[in-house]
Amino acid sequence: MWLVTGATGHVGNVLTRKLLERGEKVRAMILPGECRESISGLEVEAVEGNVLDLDSVFKSMRGVKGIFHLAGVISIMPGANPLVRKVNVEGTKNILRAAAESGIKKLVYTSSIHAIRRVEEGVIDENIPYDMNNPYGAYDRSKAEATLEVLRAADSGLEAVVACPTGVIGPFDFRGSMMGALIHDAAIAKPTLYVDGAYDFVDVRDVGEGLIAAAEHGKRGESYILSGQKISVRYLLETVREITGRNFFQMKIPFNLAKFAAAFTPAYYQMANATPRFTPYSLEVLQSNSNISHAKATSELGYSPRLLYESLRDTVRWFLERRK
């Protein structure tokens, strides 16, 4: 049996589906009161727990052969966020401690491409170090710090490997990620604002397969980038329009104007308990170097991401089917 933390998230529920398709048994750690829609109907053993509660972490590991640790807090908002670090770092430390003391045979930690140090040019690969002093956001720093904890545990003998996905898109996006919301709005022909920029996006199903491959073939203490294809936001929107055959109003916002607005909108969205599309962080990502290589994962894990046209087509179909 595999334990999956963060099983109700986008990557988590797809990974769970992939494991079940392979005939594996899955125990899903779920926060008390958390919505279970994304894994509803799946034959999983659901247990309530919290990575910050060490007792529940130990209980969740009883009888499992390995762990996929995905539970975490994502934030693109500026400023310090104590909860982000607490869950992402301290929660990971609890997972590592319990795994070591429980004799877990394999642990796969889902980190992030944003945990890796930003480089302005050249190819981004696993030779670039993790950066826990990253100035761009609390999330990036927390994922880097947590990743370094995982690697230290591997040095101490824990059979742990790290996977770093890029921008994840794809079907089964029950909670509506930021990019999922953009694709959804375009799919229903909703007027859409966008800025110039591009990034590397990867299909969530390929990430799920990559995580399983990391568990089966990954080497202890190694990291593997799970990237896909670099595309512009404009290309993404035009591809959705091509898939649906429906025109919709698109307006490109000048980058400097979006950057100016992003300095003020986070406060409003924090009060409204919503996530803005443009923040200093999200704009920085779209302008950053996104020449990202998955050569190591391909060579050592057999990782082979699909074309993003297929990802966008299936994502659009999934969102439209959900609306019926």
C-alpha atoms as a PDB file:
ATOM      1  CA  MET A   1       0.000   0.000   0.000  1.00  0.00           C
ATOM      2  CA  TRP A   2       1.140   3.546  -0.820  1.00  0.00           C
ATOM      3  CA  LEU A   3       0.425   6.560   1.345  1.00  0.00           C
ATOM      4  CA  VAL A   4      -0.405   9.708  -0.614  1.00  0.00           C
ATOM      5  CA  THR A   5      -0.427  12.977   1.302  1.00  0.00           C
ATOM      6  CA  GLY A   6      -2.229  15.806  -0.463  1.00  0.00           C
ATOM      7  CA  ALA A   7      -4.305  13.195  -2.278  1.00  0.00           C
ATOM      8  CA  THR A   8      -7.228  15.557  -2.930  1.00  0.00           C
ATOM      9  CA  GLY A   9      -5.104  18.117  -4.785  1.00  0.00           C
ATOM     10  CA  HIS A  10      -4.700  18.280  -8.551  1.00  0.00           C
ATOM     11  CA  VAL A  11      -1.520  16.209  -8.783  1.00  0.00           C
ATOM     12  CA  GLY A  12      -2.516  14.110  -5.777  1.00  0.00           C
ATOM     13  CA  ASN A  13      -5.846  12.887  -7.129  1.00  0.00           C
ATOM     14  CA  VAL A  14      -4.370  12.121 -10.548  1.00  0.00           C
ATOM     15  CA  LEU A  15      -1.455  10.247  -8.964  1.00  0.00           C
ATOM     16  CA  THR A  16      -3.972   8.274  -6.907  1.00  0.00           C
ATOM     17  CA  ARG A  17      -5.875   7.370 -10.079  1.00  0.00           C
ATOM     18  CA  LYS A  18      -2.651   6.265 -11.766  1.00  0.00           C
ATOM     19  CA  LEU A  19      -1.690   4.062  -8.825  1.00  0.00           C
ATOM     20  CA  LEU A  20      -5.118   2.435  -8.754  1.00  0.00           C
ATOM     21  CA  GLU A  21      -4.943   1.804 -12.501  1.00  0.00           C
ATOM     22  CA  ARG A  22      -1.746  -0.160 -11.853  1.00  0.00           C
ATOM     23  CA  GLY A  23      -3.467  -2.305  -9.249  1.00  0.00           C
ATOM     24  CA  GLU A  24      -1.818  -0.609  -6.274  1.00  0.00           C
ATOM     25  CA  LYS A  25      -3.581   0.011  -2.983  1.00  0.00           C
ATOM     26  CA  VAL A  26      -3.682   3.619  -1.827  1.00  0.00           C
ATOM     27  CA  ARG A  27      -4.150   5.254   1.557  1.00  0.00           C
ATOM     28  CA  ALA A  28      -5.042   8.915   1.208  1.00  0.00           C
ATOM     29  CA  MET A  29      -4.223  11.329   4.016  1.00  0.00           C
ATOM     30  CA  ILE A  30      -6.940  13.973   4.129  1.00  0.00           C
ATOM     31  CA  LEU A  31      -7.311  16.983   6.374  1.00  0.00           C
ATOM     32  CA  PRO A  32     -10.303  16.815   8.716  1.00  0.00           C
ATOM     33  CA  GLY A  33     -13.242  18.475   6.981  1.00  0.00           C
ATOM     34  CA  GLU A  34     -11.448  18.672   3.632  1.00  0.00           C
ATOM     35  CA  CYS A  35     -13.547  18.313   0.471  1.00  0.00           C
ATOM     36  CA  ARG A  36     -13.156  14.822  -0.980  1.00  0.00           C
ATOM     37  CA  GLU A  37     -14.838  15.405  -4.346  1.00  0.00           C
ATOM     38  CA  SER A  38     -11.646  14.797  -6.322  1.00  0.00           C
ATOM     39  CA  ILE A  39     -11.277  11.239  -5.002  1.00  0.00           C
ATOM     40  CA  SER A  40     -14.981  10.456  -4.644  1.00  0.00           C
ATOM     41  CA  GLY A  41     -15.756   7.000  -5.995  1.00  0.00           C
ATOM     42  CA  LEU A  42     -12.134   5.881  -5.972  1.00  0.00           C
ATOM     43  CA  GLU A  43     -11.302   2.725  -4.022  1.00  0.00           C
ATOM     44  CA  VAL A  44      -8.905   4.303  -1.571  1.00  0.00           C
ATOM     45  CA  GLU A  45      -8.487   4.040   2.169  1.00  0.00           C
ATOM     46  CA  ALA A  46      -9.119   7.588   3.336  1.00  0.00           C
ATOM     47  CA  VAL A  47      -7.622   8.543   6.685  1.00  0.00           C
ATOM     48  CA  GLU A  48      -7.887  11.913   8.366  1.00  0.00           C
ATOM     49  CA  GLY A  49      -4.600  13.440   9.321  1.00  0.00           C
ATOM     50  CA  ASN A  50      -2.414  16.509   9.269  1.00  0.00           C
ATOM     51  CA  VAL A  51       1.279  16.676   8.453  1.00  0.00           C
ATOM     52  CA  LEU A  52       1.653  19.067  11.390  1.00  0.00           C
ATOM     53  CA  ASP A  53       0.277  16.432  13.780  1.00  0.00           C
ATOM     54  CA  LEU A  54       3.078  13.930  14.280  1.00  0.00           C
ATOM     55  CA  ASP A  55       0.836  11.323  15.893  1.00  0.00           C
ATOM     56  CA  SER A  56      -1.507  11.260  12.904  1.00  0.00           C
ATOM     57  CA  VAL A  57       1.493  11.089  10.567  1.00  0.00           C
ATOM     58  CA  PHE A  58       2.799   7.982  12.347  1.00  0.00           C
ATOM     59  CA  LYS A  59      -0.650   6.386  12.273  1.00  0.00           C
ATOM     60  CA  SER A  60      -1.042   7.044   8.549  1.00  0.00           C
ATOM     61  CA  MET A  61       2.181   5.151   7.805  1.00  0.00           C
ATOM     62  CA  ARG A  62       1.234   1.877   9.463  1.00  0.00           C
ATOM     63  CA  GLY A  63       1.543  -0.947   6.985  1.00  0.00           C
ATOM     64  CA  VAL A  64       2.557   1.146   3.954  1.00  0.00           C
ATOM     65  CA  LYS A  65       5.525   0.344   1.743  1.00  0.00           C
ATOM     66  CA  GLY A  66       6.122   3.861   0.507  1.00  0.00           C
ATOM     67  CA  ILE A  67       5.029   7.480   0.567  1.00  0.00           C
ATOM     68  CA  PHE A  68       4.239  10.077  -2.043  1.00  0.00           C
ATOM     69  CA  HIS A  69       4.441  13.324  -0.104  1.00  0.00           C
ATOM     70  CA  LEU A  70       2.517  16.076  -1.894  1.00  0.00           C
ATOM     71  CA  ALA A  71       0.713  17.868   0.933  1.00  0.00           C
ATOM     72  CA  GLY A  72       1.579  21.551   1.053  1.00  0.00           C
ATOM     73  CA  VAL A  73       0.358  25.113   0.836  1.00  0.00           C
ATOM     74  CA  ILE A  74       0.758  27.023  -2.434  1.00  0.00           C
ATOM     75  CA  SER A  75       0.829  30.799  -2.478  1.00  0.00           C
ATOM     76  CA  ILE A  76       1.543  33.377  -5.166  1.00  0.00           C
ATOM     77  CA  MET A  77       0.773  36.286  -2.870  1.00  0.00           C
ATOM     78  CA  PRO A  78       3.542  38.693  -1.829  1.00  0.00           C
ATOM     79  CA  GLY A  79       4.897  39.039   1.666  1.00  0.00           C
ATOM     80  CA  ALA A  80       5.637  36.590   4.435  1.00  0.00           C
ATOM     81  CA  ASN A  81       3.239  33.739   5.066  1.00  0.00           C
ATOM     82  CA  PRO A  82       4.045  31.740   8.211  1.00  0.00           C
ATOM     83  CA  LEU A  83       1.546  29.012   7.331  1.00  0.00           C
ATOM     84  CA  VAL A  84       3.302  28.306   4.031  1.00  0.00           C
ATOM     85  CA  ARG A  85       6.603  27.597   5.731  1.00  0.00           C
ATOM     86  CA  LYS A  86       5.014  25.765   8.662  1.00  0.00           C
ATOM     87  CA  VAL A  87       3.153  23.272   6.486  1.00  0.00           C
ATOM     88  CA  ASN A  88       5.718  22.913   3.718  1.00  0.00           C
ATOM     89  CA  VAL A  89       8.815  22.691   5.908  1.00  0.00           C
ATOM     90  CA  GLU A  90       7.759  21.538   9.368  1.00  0.00           C
ATOM     91  CA  GLY A  91       5.169  19.198   7.893  1.00  0.00           C
ATOM     92  CA  THR A  92       7.820  17.641   5.653  1.00  0.00           C
ATOM     93  CA  LYS A  93      10.135  17.217   8.628  1.00  0.00           C
ATOM     94  CA  ASN A  94       7.378  15.273  10.390  1.00  0.00           C
ATOM     95  CA  ILE A  95       6.908  13.060   7.340  1.00  0.00           C
ATOM     96  CA  LEU A  96      10.671  12.393   7.167  1.00  0.00           C
ATOM     97  CA  ARG A  97      10.955  11.591  10.863  1.00  0.00           C
ATOM     98  CA  ALA A  98       8.013   9.207  10.812  1.00  0.00           C
ATOM     99  CA  ALA A  99       9.213   7.568   7.583  1.00  0.00           C
ATOM    100  CA  ALA A 100      12.677   6.937   9.006  1.00  0.00           C
ATOM    101  CA  GLU A 101      11.336   5.528  12.277  1.00  0.00           C
ATOM    102  CA  SER A 102       8.669   3.447  10.525  1.00  0.00           C
ATOM    103  CA  GLY A 103      11.130   1.780   8.148  1.00  0.00           C
ATOM    104  CA  ILE A 104       9.484   3.101   4.993  1.00  0.00           C
ATOM    105  CA  LYS A 105      11.100   1.616   1.904  1.00  0.00           C
ATOM    106  CA  LYS A 106      10.572   4.559  -0.465  1.00  0.00           C
ATOM    107  CA  LEU A 107       9.612   8.235  -0.252  1.00  0.00           C
ATOM    108  CA  VAL A 108       8.982  10.463  -3.238  1.00  0.00           C
ATOM    109  CA  TYR A 109       8.790  14.153  -2.422  1.00  0.00           C
ATOM    110  CA  THR A 110       7.026  16.482  -4.835  1.00  0.00           C
ATOM    111  CA  SER A 111       9.010  19.700  -4.755  1.00  0.00           C
ATOM    112  CA  SER A 112       8.715  22.441  -7.384  1.00  0.00           C
ATOM    113  CA  ILE A 113      10.727  23.932 -10.194  1.00  0.00           C
ATOM    114  CA  HIS A 114      10.450  27.172  -8.219  1.00  0.00           C
ATOM    115  CA  ALA A 115      12.570  25.684  -5.451  1.00  0.00           C
ATOM    116  CA  ILE A 116      15.521  25.808  -7.827  1.00  0.00           C
ATOM    117  CA  ARG A 117      17.620  28.968  -8.036  1.00  0.00           C
ATOM    118  CA  ARG A 118      16.517  31.385 -10.759  1.00  0.00           C
ATOM    119  CA  VAL A 119      18.965  31.736 -13.635  1.00  0.00           C
ATOM    120  CA  GLU A 120      18.505  34.422 -16.261  1.00  0.00           C
ATOM    121  CA  GLU A 121      19.819  32.464 -19.232  1.00  0.00           C
ATOM    122  CA  GLY A 122      20.794  28.977 -20.296  1.00  0.00           C
ATOM    123  CA  VAL A 123      19.091  25.685 -19.596  1.00  0.00           C
ATOM    124  CA  ILE A 124      17.609  24.936 -16.188  1.00  0.00           C
ATOM    125  CA  ASP A 125      18.407  21.405 -15.041  1.00  0.00           C
ATOM    126  CA  GLU A 126      19.199  19.419 -11.902  1.00  0.00           C
ATOM    127  CA  ASN A 127      22.724  20.833 -11.698  1.00  0.00           C
ATOM    128  CA  ILE A 128      21.350  24.172 -10.486  1.00  0.00           C
ATOM    129  CA  PRO A 129      21.069  24.219  -6.672  1.00  0.00           C
ATOM    130  CA  TYR A 130      17.972  24.718  -4.570  1.00  0.00           C
ATOM    131  CA  ASP A 131      17.677  28.230  -3.192  1.00  0.00           C
ATOM    132  CA  MET A 132      16.107  28.703   0.231  1.00  0.00           C
ATOM    133  CA  ASN A 133      17.021  32.408   0.068  1.00  0.00           C
ATOM    134  CA  ASN A 134      15.020  32.966  -3.101  1.00  0.00           C
ATOM    135  CA  PRO A 135      13.748  36.580  -3.052  1.00  0.00           C
ATOM    136  CA  TYR A 136      10.655  35.935  -5.183  1.00  0.00           C
ATOM    137  CA  GLY A 137       8.238  34.339  -2.754  1.00  0.00           C
ATOM    138  CA  ALA A 138       7.624  32.507   0.515  1.00  0.00           C
ATOM    139  CA  TYR A 139       6.402  29.452  -1.381  1.00  0.00           C
ATOM    140  CA  ASP A 140       9.639  29.103  -3.355  1.00  0.00           C
ATOM    141  CA  ARG A 141      11.771  29.430  -0.238  1.00  0.00           C
ATOM    142  CA  SER A 142       9.673  26.929   1.701  1.00  0.00           C
ATOM    143  CA  LYS A 143       9.850  24.322  -1.064  1.00  0.00           C
ATOM    144  CA  ALA A 144      13.621  24.764  -1.350  1.00  0.00           C
ATOM    145  CA  GLU A 145      14.079  24.407   2.415  1.00  0.00           C
ATOM    146  CA  ALA A 146      11.835  21.339   2.538  1.00  0.00           C
ATOM    147  CA  THR A 147      13.649  19.785  -0.416  1.00  0.00           C
ATOM    148  CA  LEU A 148      17.010  20.224   1.277  1.00  0.00           C
ATOM    149  CA  GLU A 149      15.574  18.475   4.341  1.00  0.00           C
ATOM    150  CA  VAL A 150      14.556  15.543   2.125  1.00  0.00           C
ATOM    151  CA  LEU A 151      18.022  15.352   0.586  1.00  0.00           C
ATOM    152  CA  ARG A 152      19.644  15.407   4.030  1.00  0.00           C
ATOM    153  CA  ALA A 153      17.375  12.535   5.066  1.00  0.00           C
ATOM    154  CA  ALA A 154      18.469  10.651   1.946  1.00  0.00           C
ATOM    155  CA  ASP A 155      22.108  11.225   2.895  1.00  0.00           C
ATOM    156  CA  SER A 156      21.273   9.650   6.264  1.00  0.00           C
ATOM    157  CA  GLY A 157      19.923   6.531   4.573  1.00  0.00           C
ATOM    158  CA  LEU A 158      16.243   7.185   3.820  1.00  0.00           C
ATOM    159  CA  GLU A 159      15.286   5.922   0.359  1.00  0.00           C
ATOM    160  CA  ALA A 160      14.047   9.320  -0.766  1.00  0.00           C
ATOM    161  CA  VAL A 161      13.953  10.996  -4.162  1.00  0.00           C
ATOM    162  CA  VAL A 162      12.722  14.419  -5.270  1.00  0.00           C
ATOM    163  CA  ALA A 163      10.563  15.379  -8.252  1.00  0.00           C
ATOM    164  CA  CYS A 164      10.213  18.970  -9.467  1.00  0.00           C
ATOM    165  CA  PRO A 165       7.234  19.600 -11.759  1.00  0.00           C
ATOM    166  CA  THR A 166       6.917  22.813 -13.745  1.00  0.00           C
ATOM    167  CA  GLY A 167       3.557  24.540 -14.324  1.00  0.00           C
ATOM    168  CA  VAL A 168       0.934  21.805 -13.996  1.00  0.00           C
ATOM    169  CA  ILE A 169      -2.187  21.812 -16.160  1.00  0.00           C
ATOM    170  CA  GLY A 170      -4.630  19.113 -17.153  1.00  0.00           C
ATOM    171  CA  PRO A 171      -7.956  17.433 -16.416  1.00  0.00           C
ATOM    172  CA  PHE A 172      -9.237  16.549 -12.927  1.00  0.00           C
ATOM    173  CA  ASP A 173      -8.536  20.101 -11.773  1.00  0.00           C
ATOM    174  CA  PHE A 174     -11.400  20.057  -9.273  1.00  0.00           C
ATOM    175  CA  ARG A 175     -10.236  23.032  -7.223  1.00  0.00           C
ATOM    176  CA  GLY A 176      -9.457  25.258 -10.196  1.00  0.00           C
ATOM    177  CA  SER A 177      -5.765  26.133 -10.271  1.00  0.00           C
ATOM    178  CA  MET A 178      -4.705  29.545 -11.554  1.00  0.00           C
ATOM    179  CA  MET A 179      -3.907  28.211 -15.030  1.00  0.00           C
ATOM    180  CA  GLY A 180      -6.918  25.921 -14.887  1.00  0.00           C
ATOM    181  CA  ALA A 181      -9.128  28.948 -14.273  1.00  0.00           C
ATOM    182  CA  LEU A 182      -7.596  30.687 -17.300  1.00  0.00           C
ATOM    183  CA  ILE A 183      -8.231  27.645 -19.506  1.00  0.00           C
ATOM    184  CA  HIS A 184     -11.761  27.260 -18.127  1.00  0.00           C
ATOM    185  CA  ASP A 185     -12.644  30.893 -18.821  1.00  0.00           C
ATOM    186  CA  ALA A 186     -11.313  30.658 -22.369  1.00  0.00           C
ATOM    187  CA  ALA A 187     -13.183  27.382 -22.923  1.00  0.00           C
ATOM    188  CA  ILE A 188     -16.514  29.012 -22.054  1.00  0.00           C
ATOM    189  CA  ALA A 189     -15.636  32.059 -24.182  1.00  0.00           C
ATOM    190  CA  LYS A 190     -15.389  34.404 -21.222  1.00  0.00           C
ATOM    191  CA  PRO A 191     -13.611  37.721 -21.940  1.00  0.00           C
ATOM    192  CA  THR A 192      -9.983  37.214 -20.938  1.00  0.00           C
ATOM    193  CA  LEU A 193      -7.165  39.553 -19.991  1.00  0.00           C
ATOM    194  CA  TYR A 194      -3.582  38.389 -20.367  1.00  0.00           C
ATOM    195  CA  VAL A 195      -0.021  39.659 -20.402  1.00  0.00           C
ATOM    196  CA  ASP A 196       2.894  38.806 -22.637  1.00  0.00           C
ATOM    197  CA  GLY A 197       4.887  35.952 -21.240  1.00  0.00           C
ATOM    198  CA  ALA A 198       5.591  32.262 -21.480  1.00  0.00           C
ATOM    199  CA  TYR A 199       6.335  29.329 -19.259  1.00  0.00           C
ATOM    200  CA  ASP A 200       6.924  25.592 -19.260  1.00  0.00           C
ATOM    201  CA  PHE A 201       3.695  23.714 -18.660  1.00  0.00           C
ATOM    202  CA  VAL A 202       3.302  19.975 -18.103  1.00  0.00           C
ATOM    203  CA  ASP A 203       0.324  17.632 -18.128  1.00  0.00           C
ATOM    204  CA  VAL A 204      -0.764  16.508 -14.659  1.00  0.00           C
ATOM    205  CA  ARG A 205      -1.052  12.934 -15.928  1.00  0.00           C
ATOM    206  CA  ASP A 206       2.577  12.985 -17.030  1.00  0.00           C
ATOM    207  CA  VAL A 207       3.550  14.292 -13.601  1.00  0.00           C
ATOM    208  CA  GLY A 208       1.654  11.408 -12.009  1.00  0.00           C
ATOM    209  CA  GLU A 209       3.460   8.905 -14.217  1.00  0.00           C
ATOM    210  CA  GLY A 210       6.760  10.657 -13.492  1.00  0.00           C
ATOM    211  CA  LEU A 211       6.238  10.362  -9.740  1.00  0.00           C
ATOM    212  CA  ILE A 212       5.549   6.638 -10.055  1.00  0.00           C
ATOM    213  CA  ALA A 213       8.634   6.230 -12.249  1.00  0.00           C
ATOM    214  CA  ALA A 214      10.662   8.096  -9.621  1.00  0.00           C
ATOM    215  CA  ALA A 215       9.444   5.609  -7.008  1.00  0.00           C
ATOM    216  CA  GLU A 216      10.366   2.650  -9.198  1.00  0.00           C
ATOM    217  CA  HIS A 217      13.592   3.815 -10.810  1.00  0.00           C
ATOM    218  CA  GLY A 218      14.746   6.967  -9.015  1.00  0.00           C
ATOM    219  CA  LYS A 219      18.071   6.879  -7.226  1.00  0.00           C
ATOM    220  CA  ARG A 220      18.286   7.769  -3.547  1.00  0.00           C
ATOM    221  CA  GLY A 221      19.107  11.432  -3.005  1.00  0.00           C
ATOM    222  CA  GLU A 222      18.539  12.414  -6.642  1.00  0.00           C
ATOM    223  CA  SER A 223      16.230  15.082  -8.054  1.00  0.00           C
ATOM    224  CA  TYR A 224      14.262  14.838 -11.288  1.00  0.00           C
ATOM    225  CA  ILE A 225      12.678  17.734 -13.171  1.00  0.00           C
ATOM    226  CA  LEU A 226       9.279  16.855 -14.648  1.00  0.00           C
ATOM    227  CA  SER A 227       8.826  19.519 -17.303  1.00  0.00           C
ATOM    228  CA  GLY A 228       6.775  19.672 -20.465  1.00  0.00           C
ATOM    229  CA  GLN A 229       6.748  22.343 -23.149  1.00  0.00           C
ATOM    230  CA  LYS A 230       7.350  26.081 -23.123  1.00  0.00           C
ATOM    231  CA  ILE A 231       4.423  28.033 -24.556  1.00  0.00           C
ATOM    232  CA  SER A 232       3.220  31.614 -24.420  1.00  0.00           C
ATOM    233  CA  VAL A 233      -0.011  32.635 -22.759  1.00  0.00           C
ATOM    234  CA  ARG A 234      -1.213  33.926 -26.125  1.00  0.00           C
ATOM    235  CA  TYR A 235      -0.539  30.559 -27.765  1.00  0.00           C
ATOM    236  CA  LEU A 236      -2.381  28.810 -24.940  1.00  0.00           C
ATOM    237  CA  LEU A 237      -5.466  31.001 -25.415  1.00  0.00           C
ATOM    238  CA  GLU A 238      -5.408  30.636 -29.189  1.00  0.00           C
ATOM    239  CA  THR A 239      -5.132  26.860 -28.846  1.00  0.00           C
ATOM    240  CA  VAL A 240      -8.196  26.781 -26.594  1.00  0.00           C
ATOM    241  CA  ARG A 241     -10.067  28.890 -29.161  1.00  0.00           C
ATOM    242  CA  GLU A 242      -9.051  26.432 -31.880  1.00  0.00           C
ATOM    243  CA  ILE A 243     -10.190  23.452 -29.800  1.00  0.00           C
ATOM    244  CA  THR A 244     -13.616  24.896 -28.964  1.00  0.00           C
ATOM    245  CA  GLY A 245     -14.175  26.716 -32.242  1.00  0.00           C
ATOM    246  CA  ARG A 246     -15.545  29.629 -30.225  1.00  0.00           C
ATOM    247  CA  ASN A 247     -14.162  33.138 -30.457  1.00  0.00           C
ATOM    248  CA  PHE A 248     -13.884  35.204 -27.292  1.00  0.00           C
ATOM    249  CA  PHE A 249     -12.650  38.653 -26.396  1.00  0.00           C
ATOM    250  CA  GLN A 250      -8.965  38.754 -25.547  1.00  0.00           C
ATOM    251  CA  MET A 251      -7.096  41.811 -24.365  1.00  0.00           C
ATOM    252  CA  LYS A 252      -3.351  41.974 -23.868  1.00  0.00           C
ATOM    253  CA  ILE A 253      -2.489  44.105 -20.854  1.00  0.00           C
ATOM    254  CA  PRO A 254       0.831  45.981 -21.172  1.00  0.00           C
ATOM    255  CA  PHE A 255       3.281  44.362 -18.804  1.00  0.00           C
ATOM    256  CA  ASN A 256       4.172  47.578 -17.000  1.00  0.00           C
ATOM    257  CA  LEU A 257       0.483  48.332 -16.390  1.00  0.00           C
ATOM    258  CA  ALA A 258      -0.100  44.815 -15.049  1.00  0.00           C
ATOM    259  CA  LYS A 259       2.955  45.167 -12.830  1.00  0.00           C
ATOM    260  CA  PHE A 260       1.680  48.491 -11.478  1.00  0.00           C
ATOM    261  CA  ALA A 261      -1.768  47.044 -10.758  1.00  0.00           C
ATOM    262  CA  ALA A 262      -0.265  43.942  -9.178  1.00  0.00           C
ATOM    263  CA  ALA A 263       1.348  46.087  -6.518  1.00  0.00           C
ATOM    264  CA  PHE A 264      -2.102  47.064  -5.206  1.00  0.00           C
ATOM    265  CA  THR A 265      -4.527  44.226  -5.999  1.00  0.00           C
ATOM    266  CA  PRO A 266      -3.208  41.586  -3.541  1.00  0.00           C
ATOM    267  CA  ALA A 267      -4.563  43.490  -0.540  1.00  0.00           C
ATOM    268  CA  TYR A 268      -8.049  43.516  -2.064  1.00  0.00           C
ATOM    269  CA  TYR A 269      -7.941  39.830  -2.946  1.00  0.00           C
ATOM    270  CA  GLN A 270      -6.696  38.907   0.511  1.00  0.00           C
ATOM    271  CA  MET A 271      -9.747  40.611   2.010  1.00  0.00           C
ATOM    272  CA  ALA A 272     -11.963  38.887  -0.562  1.00  0.00           C
ATOM    273  CA  ASN A 273     -10.274  35.520   0.133  1.00  0.00           C
ATOM    274  CA  ALA A 274      -9.569  35.043  -3.578  1.00  0.00           C
ATOM    275  CA  THR A 275      -6.501  34.652  -5.760  1.00  0.00           C
ATOM    276  CA  PRO A 276      -5.697  37.376  -8.299  1.00  0.00           C
ATOM    277  CA  ARG A 277      -4.497  36.445 -11.766  1.00  0.00           C
ATOM    278  CA  PHE A 278      -1.780  39.093 -11.717  1.00  0.00           C
ATOM    279  CA  THR A 279       0.566  39.333  -8.745  1.00  0.00           C
ATOM    280  CA  PRO A 280       4.219  40.406  -8.663  1.00  0.00           C
ATOM    281  CA  TYR A 281       5.066  36.711  -8.313  1.00  0.00           C
ATOM    282  CA  SER A 282       2.958  35.444 -11.230  1.00  0.00           C
ATOM    283  CA  LEU A 283       4.236  38.209 -13.501  1.00  0.00           C
ATOM    284  CA  GLU A 284       7.832  37.449 -12.557  1.00  0.00           C
ATOM    285  CA  VAL A 285       7.304  33.779 -13.422  1.00  0.00           C
ATOM    286  CA  LEU A 286       5.926  34.608 -16.887  1.00  0.00           C
ATOM    287  CA  GLN A 287       8.965  36.785 -17.619  1.00  0.00           C
ATOM    288  CA  SER A 288      11.545  34.411 -16.143  1.00  0.00           C
ATOM    289  CA  ASN A 289      13.793  31.964 -17.960  1.00  0.00           C
ATOM    290  CA  SER A 290      11.713  28.865 -18.648  1.00  0.00           C
ATOM    291  CA  ASN A 291      14.116  26.860 -20.782  1.00  0.00           C
ATOM    292  CA  ILE A 292      13.765  23.806 -18.586  1.00  0.00           C
ATOM    293  CA  SER A 293      15.167  20.357 -19.343  1.00  0.00           C
ATOM    294  CA  HIS A 294      13.688  16.995 -18.406  1.00  0.00           C
ATOM    295  CA  ALA A 295      16.594  15.091 -20.007  1.00  0.00           C
ATOM    296  CA  LYS A 296      17.620  13.447 -16.726  1.00  0.00           C
ATOM    297  CA  ALA A 297      14.113  12.204 -15.990  1.00  0.00           C
ATOM    298  CA  THR A 298      13.820  10.905 -19.550  1.00  0.00           C
ATOM    299  CA  SER A 299      17.175   9.118 -19.357  1.00  0.00           C
ATOM    300  CA  GLU A 300      16.852   7.613 -15.873  1.00  0.00           C
ATOM    301  CA  LEU A 301      13.077   7.260 -15.412  1.00  0.00           C
ATOM    302  CA  GLY A 302      11.785   6.827 -18.952  1.00  0.00           C
ATOM    303  CA  TYR A 303       9.776  10.032 -18.533  1.00  0.00           C
ATOM    304  CA  SER A 304       8.101  11.208 -21.751  1.00  0.00           C
ATOM    305  CA  PRO A 305       5.598  14.093 -21.541  1.00  0.00           C
ATOM    306  CA  ARG A 306       2.876  14.414 -24.144  1.00  0.00           C
ATOM    307  CA  LEU A 307       2.297  17.363 -26.452  1.00  0.00           C
ATOM    308  CA  LEU A 308       0.533  20.246 -24.757  1.00  0.00           C
ATOM    309  CA  TYR A 309      -2.113  20.387 -27.475  1.00  0.00           C
ATOM    310  CA  GLU A 310      -3.390  17.051 -26.156  1.00  0.00           C
ATOM    311  CA  SER A 311      -3.267  18.384 -22.599  1.00  0.00           C
ATOM    312  CA  LEU A 312      -5.246  21.504 -23.487  1.00  0.00           C
ATOM    313  CA  ARG A 313      -7.768  19.522 -25.529  1.00  0.00           C
ATOM    314  CA  ASP A 314      -8.430  17.091 -22.687  1.00  0.00           C
ATOM    315  CA  THR A 315      -8.535  19.882 -20.097  1.00  0.00           C
ATOM    316  CA  VAL A 316     -11.087  21.857 -22.111  1.00  0.00           C
ATOM    317  CA  ARG A 317     -13.232  18.768 -22.593  1.00  0.00           C
ATOM    318  CA  TRP A 318     -13.072  17.969 -18.871  1.00  0.00           C
ATOM    319  CA  PHE A 319     -14.103  21.473 -17.824  1.00  0.00           C
ATOM    320  CA  LEU A 320     -16.947  21.594 -20.349  1.00  0.00           C
ATOM    321  CA  GLU A 321     -18.201  18.163 -19.320  1.00  0.00           C
ATOM    322  CA  ARG A 322     -18.226  19.304 -15.686  1.00  0.00           C
ATOM    323  CA  ARG A 323     -20.554  22.165 -16.625  1.00  0.00           C
ATOM    324  CA  LYS A 324     -23.263  19.847 -17.980  1.00  0.00           C
END
